[in-house]
Amino acid sequence: MEMVYMLPSRHLLAAVCSSSVSMKSLSESQVPAAAATGRHLSLSRSPKWRQMADSCFCCFSPTAQDHTPSQLQARTQYTFAIGANVIPHPDKVEKGGEDAYFVSQHNGCVFAIADGVSGWAEENVDPALYSKELMKHAAALACTDEEVQNNPRLLLKKAHFATRSIGAATAIVAILEPKGILHIANLGDCGLRLIRHGHIVFATSPQQHYFDCPFQFSSANGGQQAEDAVVHEISVMECDTVVMGSDGLFDNVYGSEIIATVAMFGGADQAAAEHTASALAALASKNARNKKYESPYSQEAISQGYDLPFWKKILGKKLTGGKLDDITVLVGHVVDVKSLPRHGTSELLCYGTHEIQKHQ
C-alpha cells in the first residue's frame, strides 16, 4: 500500500530566518528527516516548482513599451472587471482565514492581497490581525494619497509603517494606470500571472529565505522592508486576464490549470471574472485536500531535499499531497472603462471572507 506523506506548515520569520519554528506536519504522517535541515533557498533564482507551475510561460515578458500602440492607448482608458473568491483553511473557516485583500477602481484600478504568516499562532497571536490591518491602510492610502499613485512599493511602505498589529504577512499590490500600464510590487510568495491569448506572458517569482519561509513584513526585528519588494511595470491590453493569488493558489494549481480555467469561462466582464475566481479557488482547495496529488508544493519540497529516503522510493512510496492553506484569488479582465456600468467609483475592502466596507 502506498504511503503518503504530507508536508510541513509555513515558517515564521525570526531574526532574519536564522532559525525557524519547529516544523509541524499537516497530517498525522511523520515528516521526512530532510525536512528538519532548514536548507536555504538561493535568492538569485526562482524555485523550481514555480518554473514548473508556469510551464506554459511564454518566452517574453511584456514591458511598458510593448504591444499596444501609443495612439490606441491615448484614446482608450482601461480598468479591470474583477472577481474575487476566498476559501479559508479548513481549521480557520469560522474567522474567515488569515488572508486579506482589497479592490478599488480609483484612478484605474488598485488591488492587493496580504497573507498572514501562520507561525505567529504559536506565539498566541492571531495571524489575521496583521494582514487585515496592512490591507486596511493600503486601501485607504490608495484612495487618498496622491503620492502613492502608480507606485506600489511606496504604497506598501506607507501601509507597513502604519501597521501596528503584532504579526507578519506577505503582500502583493498591483496598480493599473488608465492608459494600460500595470505597476506591481511583490514581497514574499503571493503571486500574479498575466494571461494573453491562452499563454502566461508574465509571472512574478516568489521570494524565500528557504523552503516555506517567505520574505515578509513583520512587527518583529528581522522582517523585510518595502525596499525588498520586487517591482514590475508591464503593458496590458483589452481582453488580457490577470490572476492574483495568495500562495494557497499557486502551491496547489499549475500554470496550465490556470490557463485552462480562464479559457473555460471566457468572457471579459465581471461575471466571468467572478466565475473564474471561484473555479480557481475551488480547484486549489480540492487539490490541497488530495494526499496523492503531486502538487507544485510537493514538487518544490522534493527539489529542496525534503524527499523520502531512497529505500522507501524503491518500494514505490513518494512525497505527495497539496498544501492546506487559506486561498485567495482575484481575477481581473482588462476592459475599456466605458464598458463598465456607470455607477460611480466603488471601493471594496475585504479581510478574509468578511466584507468590511463598501461605498460609492
Foldseek 3Di string as FASTA:
>chain_A
DFDEFAAWAFWDCDQLPPDTDDTDGPDPDDFAPLNRPQDFDDQVDFFPLQCQLQVLADPAAFFPPDDDDLVVLVPFFKAWLKAKDKDFFPVCVVVQHQKWKKWWCAQHIKIKIKGFRVNCVVVVFDSNLQNQQLRVQLLVCQRPPPVCALPVLVSSQVSLVPGDGAGKIWMKMWHAHRSFKIKIWGFAAWKKFKDDPLGGHDIDGGAARHQSHTQIRGPDPNHDHSVPIDMGIGGDDAQIKMKTKHVLLQQAHGNNRLSVLLVVLDDRHNVSNNSSNVVSQVNSQVQQADSAAATSSQVSCVVRPSWHDPVSVVVVYTHHHGHRGMMMMMMIGMDGPVPDDPPDIWIWTTRNNDTDDIDD
